[in-house]
Amino acid sequence: MGERVVGYVRKGERKSRKYARDLRKDMTETEHKLWSYLRRKNLDGYRFRRQHIIGPFIADFVCVAEKLIIEVDGATHGEDNEIAYDARRTEFLETQGWKIIRYGNEEIYKNIDDVLDDIYAHLKGLKV
């Protein structure tokens, strides 16, 4: 399988919906694990979408009602070019009124309860 470019859709790209759909079908194991807790309003009734298009980007998980984005960061997110890309992406999304929280793969696997508590705190406005 070739390298997967995640999270960016070119402006005006007609294929963005298909690309987001493909990403939903090809989620990582970590994304599957987190999605199993977020789906079907399992987190106090909050509804989440996965691989949701916002402007030129695709966010991993989104609660539209609270304008909250949850990003799952794999090993490549520690590389300099990915850090710079994530910073630009975050800046754009924040100017659109979105709040972004990030969790690493290991954090989700080892501390899913803490991750869910943290997400819940952000949803309830207990964390800024």
N, C-alpha and C. Protein backbone atom coordinates (compact mmCIF):
# COMPACT_ATOMS: atom_id res chain seq x y z
N MET A 1 0.85 -1.17 0.00
CA MET A 1 0.00 0.00 0.00
C MET A 1 0.89 1.23 0.00
N GLY A 2 0.55 2.24 -0.78
CA GLY A 2 1.33 3.46 -0.89
C GLY A 2 1.18 4.34 0.33
N GLU A 3 1.99 5.39 0.36
CA GLU A 3 1.94 6.32 1.47
C GLU A 3 0.62 7.06 1.46
N ARG A 4 0.02 7.22 2.61
CA ARG A 4 -1.28 7.88 2.73
C ARG A 4 -1.06 9.32 3.19
N VAL A 5 -1.55 10.26 2.41
CA VAL A 5 -1.49 11.66 2.79
C VAL A 5 -2.79 11.97 3.50
N VAL A 6 -2.69 12.39 4.75
CA VAL A 6 -3.87 12.56 5.58
C VAL A 6 -4.09 14.03 5.90
N GLY A 7 -5.35 14.46 5.85
CA GLY A 7 -5.73 15.72 6.43
C GLY A 7 -5.74 16.93 5.53
N TYR A 8 -5.43 16.82 4.25
CA TYR A 8 -5.42 18.01 3.42
C TYR A 8 -6.17 17.77 2.12
N VAL A 9 -7.03 18.69 1.77
CA VAL A 9 -7.76 18.65 0.51
C VAL A 9 -7.49 19.98 -0.18
N ARG A 10 -7.05 19.92 -1.43
CA ARG A 10 -6.78 21.15 -2.17
C ARG A 10 -8.04 21.97 -2.35
N LYS A 11 -7.88 23.29 -2.31
CA LYS A 11 -9.00 24.21 -2.46
C LYS A 11 -9.73 23.92 -3.78
N GLY A 12 -11.03 23.78 -3.69
CA GLY A 12 -11.83 23.55 -4.88
C GLY A 12 -11.77 22.12 -5.40
N GLU A 13 -11.13 21.23 -4.68
CA GLU A 13 -10.99 19.85 -5.13
C GLU A 13 -12.36 19.17 -5.12
N ARG A 14 -12.78 18.68 -6.26
CA ARG A 14 -14.08 18.01 -6.36
C ARG A 14 -14.06 16.63 -5.73
N LYS A 15 -12.89 16.07 -5.60
CA LYS A 15 -12.79 14.71 -5.07
C LYS A 15 -12.69 14.67 -3.55
N SER A 16 -12.81 15.82 -2.88
CA SER A 16 -12.61 15.86 -1.44
C SER A 16 -13.58 14.97 -0.68
N ARG A 17 -14.83 14.90 -1.12
CA ARG A 17 -15.80 14.05 -0.44
C ARG A 17 -15.41 12.58 -0.57
N LYS A 18 -14.98 12.19 -1.76
CA LYS A 18 -14.54 10.82 -1.97
C LYS A 18 -13.30 10.53 -1.13
N TYR A 19 -12.39 11.48 -1.08
CA TYR A 19 -11.17 11.31 -0.30
C TYR A 19 -11.49 11.12 1.19
N ALA A 20 -12.40 11.94 1.71
CA ALA A 20 -12.81 11.80 3.11
C ALA A 20 -13.48 10.45 3.33
N ARG A 21 -14.29 10.02 2.38
CA ARG A 21 -14.95 8.72 2.48
C ARG A 21 -13.92 7.60 2.50
N ASP A 22 -12.90 7.72 1.64
CA ASP A 22 -11.83 6.72 1.62
C ASP A 22 -11.07 6.68 2.95
N LEU A 23 -10.83 7.85 3.54
CA LEU A 23 -10.15 7.89 4.83
C LEU A 23 -10.99 7.23 5.92
N ARG A 24 -12.32 7.38 5.84
CA ARG A 24 -13.19 6.72 6.82
C ARG A 24 -13.09 5.21 6.69
N LYS A 25 -12.96 4.73 5.45
CA LYS A 25 -12.84 3.28 5.23
C LYS A 25 -11.47 2.75 5.63
N ASP A 26 -10.46 3.63 5.63
CA ASP A 26 -9.08 3.22 5.86
C ASP A 26 -8.52 3.82 7.15
N MET A 27 -9.34 3.83 8.21
CA MET A 27 -8.89 4.40 9.48
C MET A 27 -7.78 3.52 10.08
N THR A 28 -6.92 4.17 10.85
CA THR A 28 -5.87 3.43 11.55
C THR A 28 -6.50 2.68 12.72
N GLU A 29 -5.74 1.74 13.29
CA GLU A 29 -6.25 0.99 14.45
C GLU A 29 -6.57 1.93 15.61
N THR A 30 -5.72 2.94 15.79
CA THR A 30 -5.93 3.89 16.88
C THR A 30 -7.20 4.70 16.65
N GLU A 31 -7.42 5.13 15.41
CA GLU A 31 -8.65 5.86 15.10
C GLU A 31 -9.87 4.98 15.33
N HIS A 32 -9.78 3.71 14.95
CA HIS A 32 -10.89 2.77 15.21
C HIS A 32 -11.18 2.68 16.70
N LYS A 33 -10.14 2.58 17.50
CA LYS A 33 -10.33 2.45 18.95
C LYS A 33 -11.04 3.67 19.51
N LEU A 34 -10.58 4.86 19.16
CA LEU A 34 -11.21 6.07 19.67
C LEU A 34 -12.63 6.21 19.12
N TRP A 35 -12.82 5.91 17.84
CA TRP A 35 -14.15 6.01 17.23
C TRP A 35 -15.16 5.10 17.92
N SER A 36 -14.70 3.94 18.38
CA SER A 36 -15.62 3.01 19.06
C SER A 36 -16.23 3.64 20.31
N TYR A 37 -15.54 4.63 20.90
CA TYR A 37 -16.07 5.33 22.07
C TYR A 37 -16.85 6.59 21.70
N LEU A 38 -16.50 7.22 20.59
CA LEU A 38 -17.15 8.48 20.22
C LEU A 38 -18.44 8.29 19.44
N ARG A 39 -18.54 7.19 18.73
CA ARG A 39 -19.69 6.98 17.85
C ARG A 39 -20.98 6.77 18.63
N ARG A 40 -22.06 6.94 17.96
CA ARG A 40 -23.40 6.72 18.51
C ARG A 40 -23.67 7.49 19.79
N LYS A 41 -23.09 8.68 19.87
CA LYS A 41 -23.34 9.58 21.00
C LYS A 41 -23.01 8.93 22.35
N ASN A 42 -21.97 8.12 22.38
CA ASN A 42 -21.58 7.43 23.61
C ASN A 42 -20.98 8.36 24.65
N LEU A 43 -20.60 9.55 24.28
CA LEU A 43 -19.97 10.48 25.21
C LEU A 43 -21.00 11.54 25.61
N ASP A 44 -21.86 11.18 26.53
CA ASP A 44 -22.88 12.08 27.08
C ASP A 44 -23.78 12.71 26.01
N GLY A 45 -24.03 11.96 24.94
CA GLY A 45 -24.94 12.43 23.91
C GLY A 45 -24.33 13.32 22.85
N TYR A 46 -23.04 13.66 22.97
CA TYR A 46 -22.40 14.49 21.95
C TYR A 46 -22.21 13.67 20.68
N ARG A 47 -22.52 14.30 19.56
CA ARG A 47 -22.40 13.63 18.26
C ARG A 47 -21.08 14.00 17.60
N PHE A 48 -20.38 13.00 17.14
CA PHE A 48 -19.11 13.20 16.44
C PHE A 48 -19.21 12.70 15.01
N ARG A 49 -18.45 13.35 14.15
CA ARG A 49 -18.27 12.90 12.78
C ARG A 49 -16.81 12.52 12.63
N ARG A 50 -16.53 11.63 11.70
CA ARG A 50 -15.13 11.26 11.47
C ARG A 50 -14.74 11.66 10.05
N GLN A 51 -13.46 12.02 9.92
CA GLN A 51 -12.91 12.46 8.64
C GLN A 51 -13.82 13.51 8.01
N HIS A 52 -14.00 14.60 8.75
CA HIS A 52 -14.92 15.67 8.38
C HIS A 52 -14.16 16.80 7.68
N ILE A 53 -14.69 17.26 6.56
CA ILE A 53 -14.05 18.32 5.77
C ILE A 53 -14.36 19.68 6.39
N ILE A 54 -13.29 20.45 6.63
CA ILE A 54 -13.41 21.83 7.10
C ILE A 54 -12.46 22.66 6.25
N GLY A 55 -13.02 23.48 5.39
CA GLY A 55 -12.18 24.26 4.48
C GLY A 55 -11.32 23.33 3.64
N PRO A 56 -10.02 23.60 3.59
CA PRO A 56 -9.13 22.76 2.78
C PRO A 56 -8.59 21.54 3.54
N PHE A 57 -9.13 21.25 4.72
CA PHE A 57 -8.59 20.18 5.56
C PHE A 57 -9.64 19.13 5.89
N ILE A 58 -9.15 17.96 6.28
CA ILE A 58 -10.01 16.90 6.78
C ILE A 58 -9.58 16.61 8.21
N ALA A 59 -10.51 16.79 9.14
CA ALA A 59 -10.23 16.55 10.56
C ALA A 59 -10.58 15.11 10.91
N ASP A 60 -9.81 14.51 11.82
CA ASP A 60 -10.06 13.12 12.20
C ASP A 60 -11.45 12.94 12.79
N PHE A 61 -11.76 13.68 13.87
CA PHE A 61 -13.06 13.60 14.53
C PHE A 61 -13.51 15.00 14.88
N VAL A 62 -14.82 15.25 14.72
CA VAL A 62 -15.35 16.59 14.93
C VAL A 62 -16.68 16.51 15.67
N CYS A 63 -16.82 17.36 16.68
CA CYS A 63 -18.12 17.60 17.28
C CYS A 63 -18.53 18.98 16.79
N VAL A 64 -19.41 19.01 15.80
CA VAL A 64 -19.80 20.27 15.16
C VAL A 64 -20.49 21.19 16.16
N ALA A 65 -21.35 20.65 17.00
CA ALA A 65 -22.11 21.47 17.96
C ALA A 65 -21.19 22.28 18.87
N GLU A 66 -20.06 21.71 19.25
CA GLU A 66 -19.13 22.39 20.15
C GLU A 66 -17.91 22.94 19.43
N LYS A 67 -17.86 22.79 18.10
CA LYS A 67 -16.72 23.23 17.28
C LYS A 67 -15.40 22.70 17.85
N LEU A 68 -15.41 21.41 18.15
CA LEU A 68 -14.24 20.73 18.72
C LEU A 68 -13.72 19.69 17.73
N ILE A 69 -12.42 19.75 17.47
CA ILE A 69 -11.75 18.79 16.60
C ILE A 69 -10.82 17.95 17.45
N ILE A 70 -10.86 16.64 17.22
CA ILE A 70 -9.95 15.71 17.88
C ILE A 70 -9.05 15.12 16.81
N GLU A 71 -7.76 15.29 16.98
CA GLU A 71 -6.78 14.75 16.04
C GLU A 71 -6.00 13.63 16.70
N VAL A 72 -5.80 12.56 15.96
CA VAL A 72 -5.00 11.42 16.41
C VAL A 72 -3.66 11.51 15.68
N ASP A 73 -2.61 11.70 16.45
CA ASP A 73 -1.28 11.88 15.87
C ASP A 73 -0.45 10.61 15.97
N GLY A 74 -0.02 10.13 14.82
CA GLY A 74 0.86 8.96 14.76
C GLY A 74 2.31 9.38 14.87
N ALA A 75 3.18 8.45 14.59
CA ALA A 75 4.62 8.66 14.74
C ALA A 75 5.15 9.78 13.85
N THR A 76 4.59 9.97 12.67
CA THR A 76 5.11 10.97 11.74
C THR A 76 4.88 12.40 12.22
N HIS A 77 3.96 12.59 13.15
CA HIS A 77 3.65 13.95 13.62
C HIS A 77 4.76 14.56 14.46
N GLY A 78 5.80 13.81 14.76
CA GLY A 78 6.94 14.33 15.49
C GLY A 78 8.03 14.88 14.59
N GLU A 79 7.88 14.69 13.28
CA GLU A 79 8.88 15.18 12.33
C GLU A 79 8.68 16.68 12.11
N ASP A 80 9.79 17.38 11.84
CA ASP A 80 9.76 18.84 11.71
C ASP A 80 8.74 19.33 10.69
N ASN A 81 8.70 18.70 9.51
CA ASN A 81 7.77 19.16 8.48
C ASN A 81 6.32 18.94 8.90
N GLU A 82 6.04 17.86 9.63
CA GLU A 82 4.68 17.60 10.11
C GLU A 82 4.30 18.57 11.23
N ILE A 83 5.25 18.90 12.09
CA ILE A 83 4.99 19.86 13.17
C ILE A 83 4.62 21.21 12.56
N ALA A 84 5.38 21.64 11.55
CA ALA A 84 5.11 22.91 10.88
C ALA A 84 3.75 22.88 10.18
N TYR A 85 3.45 21.77 9.51
CA TYR A 85 2.17 21.62 8.82
C TYR A 85 1.02 21.67 9.81
N ASP A 86 1.15 20.92 10.92
CA ASP A 86 0.10 20.91 11.94
C ASP A 86 -0.11 22.30 12.53
N ALA A 87 0.96 23.06 12.70
CA ALA A 87 0.84 24.42 13.25
C ALA A 87 0.06 25.32 12.29
N ARG A 88 0.36 25.25 10.99
CA ARG A 88 -0.37 26.04 10.00
C ARG A 88 -1.84 25.62 9.95
N ARG A 89 -2.06 24.34 9.99
CA ARG A 89 -3.41 23.80 9.94
C ARG A 89 -4.22 24.24 11.17
N THR A 90 -3.59 24.13 12.34
CA THR A 90 -4.24 24.55 13.58
C THR A 90 -4.57 26.03 13.54
N GLU A 91 -3.63 26.85 13.06
CA GLU A 91 -3.87 28.29 12.97
C GLU A 91 -5.08 28.58 12.09
N PHE A 92 -5.16 27.93 10.93
CA PHE A 92 -6.30 28.13 10.04
C PHE A 92 -7.60 27.72 10.72
N LEU A 93 -7.64 26.54 11.31
CA LEU A 93 -8.87 26.04 11.92
C LEU A 93 -9.31 26.90 13.10
N GLU A 94 -8.34 27.39 13.89
CA GLU A 94 -8.69 28.25 15.01
C GLU A 94 -9.27 29.57 14.54
N THR A 95 -8.79 30.09 13.40
CA THR A 95 -9.36 31.34 12.88
C THR A 95 -10.79 31.12 12.40
N GLN A 96 -11.16 29.87 12.16
CA GLN A 96 -12.52 29.53 11.76
C GLN A 96 -13.40 29.22 12.98
N GLY A 97 -12.83 29.37 14.19
CA GLY A 97 -13.59 29.17 15.42
C GLY A 97 -13.52 27.77 16.01
N TRP A 98 -12.67 26.92 15.49
CA TRP A 98 -12.55 25.54 15.98
C TRP A 98 -11.51 25.44 17.08
N LYS A 99 -11.74 24.55 18.02
CA LYS A 99 -10.75 24.21 19.05
C LYS A 99 -10.22 22.83 18.69
N ILE A 100 -8.90 22.67 18.73
CA ILE A 100 -8.27 21.41 18.34
C ILE A 100 -7.56 20.80 19.54
N ILE A 101 -7.84 19.52 19.79
CA ILE A 101 -7.08 18.79 20.79
C ILE A 101 -6.46 17.58 20.11
N ARG A 102 -5.26 17.23 20.56
CA ARG A 102 -4.49 16.17 19.91
C ARG A 102 -4.11 15.10 20.93
N TYR A 103 -4.14 13.87 20.45
CA TYR A 103 -3.70 12.73 21.25
C TYR A 103 -2.81 11.86 20.40
N GLY A 104 -1.76 11.36 20.98
CA GLY A 104 -0.88 10.44 20.30
C GLY A 104 -1.43 9.02 20.35
N ASN A 105 -0.98 8.20 19.43
CA ASN A 105 -1.43 6.80 19.38
C ASN A 105 -1.24 6.10 20.72
N GLU A 106 -0.05 6.24 21.29
CA GLU A 106 0.26 5.54 22.53
C GLU A 106 -0.66 5.99 23.67
N GLU A 107 -0.95 7.28 23.71
CA GLU A 107 -1.84 7.82 24.74
C GLU A 107 -3.23 7.18 24.64
N ILE A 108 -3.73 7.01 23.43
CA ILE A 108 -5.05 6.41 23.23
C ILE A 108 -5.04 4.94 23.63
N TYR A 109 -3.99 4.22 23.26
CA TYR A 109 -3.91 2.81 23.60
C TYR A 109 -3.73 2.56 25.09
N LYS A 110 -2.91 3.35 25.74
CA LYS A 110 -2.58 3.08 27.15
C LYS A 110 -3.51 3.78 28.14
N ASN A 111 -4.13 4.89 27.73
CA ASN A 111 -4.92 5.70 28.67
C ASN A 111 -6.24 6.16 28.07
N ILE A 112 -6.98 5.27 27.46
CA ILE A 112 -8.21 5.68 26.78
C ILE A 112 -9.19 6.35 27.74
N ASP A 113 -9.26 5.89 28.98
CA ASP A 113 -10.18 6.52 29.94
C ASP A 113 -9.78 7.97 30.22
N ASP A 114 -8.48 8.23 30.35
CA ASP A 114 -8.00 9.60 30.56
C ASP A 114 -8.28 10.46 29.33
N VAL A 115 -8.09 9.89 28.15
CA VAL A 115 -8.37 10.62 26.91
C VAL A 115 -9.85 10.99 26.85
N LEU A 116 -10.72 10.04 27.14
CA LEU A 116 -12.16 10.31 27.11
C LEU A 116 -12.56 11.35 28.16
N ASP A 117 -11.97 11.28 29.35
CA ASP A 117 -12.23 12.29 30.39
C ASP A 117 -11.79 13.67 29.91
N ASP A 118 -10.65 13.74 29.24
CA ASP A 118 -10.14 15.00 28.73
C ASP A 118 -11.06 15.56 27.64
N ILE A 119 -11.50 14.71 26.74
CA ILE A 119 -12.42 15.14 25.68
C ILE A 119 -13.71 15.67 26.31
N TYR A 120 -14.22 14.95 27.29
CA TYR A 120 -15.45 15.35 27.97
C TYR A 120 -15.28 16.71 28.64
N ALA A 121 -14.13 16.92 29.28
CA ALA A 121 -13.86 18.21 29.93
C ALA A 121 -13.84 19.35 28.91
N HIS A 122 -13.27 19.09 27.74
CA HIS A 122 -13.28 20.11 26.69
C HIS A 122 -14.70 20.37 26.19
N LEU A 123 -15.49 19.34 26.04
CA LEU A 123 -16.87 19.50 25.59
C LEU A 123 -17.70 20.32 26.56
N LYS A 124 -17.46 20.11 27.83
CA LYS A 124 -18.21 20.80 28.88
C LYS A 124 -17.64 22.18 29.21
N GLY A 125 -16.55 22.55 28.52
CA GLY A 125 -15.96 23.86 28.76
C GLY A 125 -15.13 23.94 30.02
N LEU A 126 -14.75 22.78 30.56
CA LEU A 126 -13.95 22.76 31.77
C LEU A 126 -12.47 22.97 31.48
N LYS A 127 -12.10 22.82 30.22
CA LYS A 127 -10.71 23.02 29.78
C LYS A 127 -10.71 24.02 28.66
N VAL A 128 -9.69 24.85 28.66
CA VAL A 128 -9.57 25.86 27.60
C VAL A 128 -8.41 25.55 26.70
